[in-house]
Amino acid sequence: MSLKPINPPGAKWPGVSQAMAVQGKGLLISSGHVGVDVNGEIVDSSFEDQCVALFEGLGRTLKEAGLGFHNVARMTTYVTDYEPSLIDTIRKVRANYFNMDAPPASVLVGVQALYDPRLRMESDIVAVYE
């Protein structure tokens, strides 16, 4: 399996690849992950804590599938009450999980609400088996 970041000249954006070329044996497509702890309880102490909990949960799902963050080709994140300052927090947390020299293709969408008002963000991913 290989993931190759594709960033045409002038199109590179901090912390995001414009596309990922995928060659592999199969895909893992996740449903939305949210910031819950190992017991399924929503982490609502802060936006950053919830972001960390989301990535930790995503990591548990990837591990269960026999994958890691290096296998993620695309990530879509939905954020409620989005304001531009939140991107700094998201980037800071993402950098602890992804190789930022070859980050996945990503989209961030501001939304009105998620299924529980305590949730501020939700993410889904496409990952590639080696």
C-alpha atoms as a PDB file:
ATOM      1  CA  MET A   1       0.000   0.000   0.000  1.00  0.00           C
ATOM      2  CA  SER A   2       1.149   3.490  -0.615  1.00  0.00           C
ATOM      3  CA  LEU A   3      -0.274   6.907   0.043  1.00  0.00           C
ATOM      4  CA  LYS A   4       1.334   9.752  -1.836  1.00  0.00           C
ATOM      5  CA  PRO A   5       0.333  13.342  -1.084  1.00  0.00           C
ATOM      6  CA  ILE A   6      -0.562  15.273  -4.207  1.00  0.00           C
ATOM      7  CA  ASN A   7      -0.005  19.021  -3.889  1.00  0.00           C
ATOM      8  CA  PRO A   8       0.304  20.905  -7.196  1.00  0.00           C
ATOM      9  CA  PRO A   9       2.497  24.023  -7.167  1.00  0.00           C
ATOM     10  CA  GLY A  10       0.752  26.851  -5.343  1.00  0.00           C
ATOM     11  CA  ALA A  11      -1.942  24.569  -3.909  1.00  0.00           C
ATOM     12  CA  LYS A  12      -0.302  23.355  -0.680  1.00  0.00           C
ATOM     13  CA  TRP A  13      -2.247  24.303   2.437  1.00  0.00           C
ATOM     14  CA  PRO A  14      -0.848  23.945   5.990  1.00  0.00           C
ATOM     15  CA  GLY A  15      -1.729  20.564   7.486  1.00  0.00           C
ATOM     16  CA  VAL A  16      -3.765  19.302   4.513  1.00  0.00           C
ATOM     17  CA  SER A  17      -2.883  17.528   1.284  1.00  0.00           C
ATOM     18  CA  GLN A  18      -4.989  18.487  -1.724  1.00  0.00           C
ATOM     19  CA  ALA A  19      -5.316  14.811  -2.634  1.00  0.00           C
ATOM     20  CA  MET A  20      -3.822  11.449  -1.742  1.00  0.00           C
ATOM     21  CA  ALA A  21      -2.921   8.926  -4.437  1.00  0.00           C
ATOM     22  CA  VAL A  22      -4.011   5.528  -3.097  1.00  0.00           C
ATOM     23  CA  GLN A  23      -2.656   2.132  -4.075  1.00  0.00           C
ATOM     24  CA  GLY A  24      -3.600  -0.692  -1.779  1.00  0.00           C
ATOM     25  CA  LYS A  25      -5.571  -3.817  -1.000  1.00  0.00           C
ATOM     26  CA  GLY A  26      -8.763  -2.314   0.336  1.00  0.00           C
ATOM     27  CA  LEU A  27     -10.458   0.583   2.071  1.00  0.00           C
ATOM     28  CA  LEU A  28     -11.854   1.262   5.521  1.00  0.00           C
ATOM     29  CA  ILE A  29     -14.657   3.804   5.417  1.00  0.00           C
ATOM     30  CA  SER A  30     -15.708   5.087   8.811  1.00  0.00           C
ATOM     31  CA  SER A  31     -18.897   6.625  10.039  1.00  0.00           C
ATOM     32  CA  GLY A  32     -18.666   9.840  12.010  1.00  0.00           C
ATOM     33  CA  HIS A  33     -16.492   9.785  15.101  1.00  0.00           C
ATOM     34  CA  VAL A  34     -17.182  12.226  17.921  1.00  0.00           C
ATOM     35  CA  GLY A  35     -15.369  13.231  21.098  1.00  0.00           C
ATOM     36  CA  VAL A  36     -16.334  10.504  23.538  1.00  0.00           C
ATOM     37  CA  ASP A  37     -14.238   8.686  26.119  1.00  0.00           C
ATOM     38  CA  VAL A  38     -13.657   4.915  26.259  1.00  0.00           C
ATOM     39  CA  ASN A  39     -17.043   4.512  28.001  1.00  0.00           C
ATOM     40  CA  GLY A  40     -18.911   6.383  25.265  1.00  0.00           C
ATOM     41  CA  GLU A  41     -19.442   9.491  27.393  1.00  0.00           C
ATOM     42  CA  ILE A  42     -19.198  12.856  25.630  1.00  0.00           C
ATOM     43  CA  VAL A  43     -16.074  14.834  26.551  1.00  0.00           C
ATOM     44  CA  ASP A  44     -17.329  18.395  26.902  1.00  0.00           C
ATOM     45  CA  SER A  45     -14.724  20.006  29.178  1.00  0.00           C
ATOM     46  CA  SER A  46     -13.327  22.048  26.266  1.00  0.00           C
ATOM     47  CA  PHE A  47     -13.254  22.109  22.470  1.00  0.00           C
ATOM     48  CA  GLU A  48      -9.633  20.906  22.520  1.00  0.00           C
ATOM     49  CA  ASP A  49     -10.398  18.046  24.931  1.00  0.00           C
ATOM     50  CA  GLN A  50     -13.263  16.949  22.692  1.00  0.00           C
ATOM     51  CA  CYS A  51     -10.995  17.134  19.647  1.00  0.00           C
ATOM     52  CA  VAL A  52      -8.402  14.937  21.403  1.00  0.00           C
ATOM     53  CA  ALA A  53     -11.129  12.466  22.421  1.00  0.00           C
ATOM     54  CA  LEU A  54     -12.323  12.291  18.807  1.00  0.00           C
ATOM     55  CA  PHE A  55      -8.816  11.431  17.569  1.00  0.00           C
ATOM     56  CA  GLU A  56      -8.291   8.919  20.378  1.00  0.00           C
ATOM     57  CA  GLY A  57     -11.561   7.196  19.439  1.00  0.00           C
ATOM     58  CA  LEU A  58     -10.639   7.235  15.782  1.00  0.00           C
ATOM     59  CA  GLY A  59      -7.298   5.679  16.743  1.00  0.00           C
ATOM     60  CA  ARG A  60      -9.105   2.865  18.581  1.00  0.00           C
ATOM     61  CA  THR A  61     -11.234   2.183  15.501  1.00  0.00           C
ATOM     62  CA  LEU A  62      -8.193   2.179  13.222  1.00  0.00           C
ATOM     63  CA  LYS A  63      -6.341  -0.179  15.573  1.00  0.00           C
ATOM     64  CA  GLU A  64      -9.309  -2.556  15.692  1.00  0.00           C
ATOM     65  CA  ALA A  65      -9.221  -2.618  11.877  1.00  0.00           C
ATOM     66  CA  GLY A  66      -5.480  -3.351  11.898  1.00  0.00           C
ATOM     67  CA  LEU A  67      -4.621   0.148  10.679  1.00  0.00           C
ATOM     68  CA  GLY A  68      -3.070   3.358  11.978  1.00  0.00           C
ATOM     69  CA  PHE A  69      -3.279   7.062  11.278  1.00  0.00           C
ATOM     70  CA  HIS A  70      -0.668   6.632   8.538  1.00  0.00           C
ATOM     71  CA  ASN A  71      -3.305   4.662   6.589  1.00  0.00           C
ATOM     72  CA  VAL A  72      -5.808   7.552   6.496  1.00  0.00           C
ATOM     73  CA  ALA A  73      -6.187   8.985   2.979  1.00  0.00           C
ATOM     74  CA  ARG A  74      -9.100  11.380   3.574  1.00  0.00           C
ATOM     75  CA  MET A  75     -10.781  13.014   6.555  1.00  0.00           C
ATOM     76  CA  THR A  76     -13.942  15.100   6.683  1.00  0.00           C
ATOM     77  CA  THR A  77     -14.646  17.092   9.842  1.00  0.00           C
ATOM     78  CA  TYR A  78     -17.861  18.889  10.758  1.00  0.00           C
ATOM     79  CA  VAL A  79     -17.683  21.634  13.408  1.00  0.00           C
ATOM     80  CA  THR A  80     -20.593  23.402  15.083  1.00  0.00           C
ATOM     81  CA  ASP A  81     -20.439  27.131  15.788  1.00  0.00           C
ATOM     82  CA  TYR A  82     -17.330  27.276  13.631  1.00  0.00           C
ATOM     83  CA  GLU A  83     -15.094  30.310  13.899  1.00  0.00           C
ATOM     84  CA  PRO A  84     -11.688  30.615  12.199  1.00  0.00           C
ATOM     85  CA  SER A  85      -9.760  30.556  15.485  1.00  0.00           C
ATOM     86  CA  LEU A  86     -10.817  26.915  16.001  1.00  0.00           C
ATOM     87  CA  ILE A  87      -8.605  25.790  13.105  1.00  0.00           C
ATOM     88  CA  ASP A  88      -5.511  26.421  15.236  1.00  0.00           C
ATOM     89  CA  THR A  89      -6.772  24.004  17.896  1.00  0.00           C
ATOM     90  CA  ILE A  90      -7.732  21.393  15.322  1.00  0.00           C
ATOM     91  CA  ARG A  91      -4.337  21.647  13.585  1.00  0.00           C
ATOM     92  CA  LYS A  92      -2.500  21.402  16.906  1.00  0.00           C
ATOM     93  CA  VAL A  93      -4.359  18.215  17.851  1.00  0.00           C
ATOM     94  CA  ARG A  94      -4.130  16.673  14.343  1.00  0.00           C
ATOM     95  CA  ALA A  95      -0.362  17.142  14.392  1.00  0.00           C
ATOM     96  CA  ASN A  96      -0.163  14.670  17.294  1.00  0.00           C
ATOM     97  CA  TYR A  97      -1.747  11.917  15.188  1.00  0.00           C
ATOM     98  CA  PHE A  98      -0.877  12.484  11.521  1.00  0.00           C
ATOM     99  CA  ASN A  99       2.474  12.770   9.794  1.00  0.00           C
ATOM    100  CA  MET A 100       2.201  16.436   8.867  1.00  0.00           C
ATOM    101  CA  ASP A 101       4.698  15.980   6.014  1.00  0.00           C
ATOM    102  CA  ALA A 102       2.079  13.777   4.314  1.00  0.00           C
ATOM    103  CA  PRO A 103      -1.297  14.628   5.913  1.00  0.00           C
ATOM    104  CA  PRO A 104      -4.513  13.182   4.512  1.00  0.00           C
ATOM    105  CA  ALA A 105      -6.689  15.080   2.080  1.00  0.00           C
ATOM    106  CA  SER A 106      -9.125  16.876   4.382  1.00  0.00           C
ATOM    107  CA  VAL A 107     -12.277  18.952   4.460  1.00  0.00           C
ATOM    108  CA  LEU A 108     -13.650  21.027   7.351  1.00  0.00           C
ATOM    109  CA  VAL A 109     -17.328  22.018   7.209  1.00  0.00           C
ATOM    110  CA  GLY A 110     -19.096  24.371   9.591  1.00  0.00           C
ATOM    111  CA  VAL A 111     -22.532  23.002  10.503  1.00  0.00           C
ATOM    112  CA  GLN A 112     -25.451  24.246  12.559  1.00  0.00           C
ATOM    113  CA  ALA A 113     -25.687  21.250  14.904  1.00  0.00           C
ATOM    114  CA  LEU A 114     -24.787  17.606  15.487  1.00  0.00           C
ATOM    115  CA  TYR A 115     -27.011  14.923  17.025  1.00  0.00           C
ATOM    116  CA  ASP A 116     -26.226  16.031  20.603  1.00  0.00           C
ATOM    117  CA  PRO A 117     -25.847  19.736  21.446  1.00  0.00           C
ATOM    118  CA  ARG A 118     -22.769  18.989  23.606  1.00  0.00           C
ATOM    119  CA  LEU A 119     -20.878  17.774  20.535  1.00  0.00           C
ATOM    120  CA  ARG A 120     -18.803  20.374  18.714  1.00  0.00           C
ATOM    121  CA  MET A 121     -17.204  18.198  16.028  1.00  0.00           C
ATOM    122  CA  GLU A 122     -17.558  14.950  14.120  1.00  0.00           C
ATOM    123  CA  SER A 123     -15.164  13.330  11.646  1.00  0.00           C
ATOM    124  CA  ASP A 124     -15.203  10.461   9.206  1.00  0.00           C
ATOM    125  CA  ILE A 125     -12.289   8.965   7.336  1.00  0.00           C
ATOM    126  CA  VAL A 126     -11.289   6.771   4.433  1.00  0.00           C
ATOM    127  CA  ALA A 127      -8.237   4.622   5.180  1.00  0.00           C
ATOM    128  CA  VAL A 128      -6.278   2.203   2.997  1.00  0.00           C
ATOM    129  CA  TYR A 129      -5.154  -1.314   3.888  1.00  0.00           C
ATOM    130  CA  GLU A 130      -1.538  -2.185   3.138  1.00  0.00           C
END
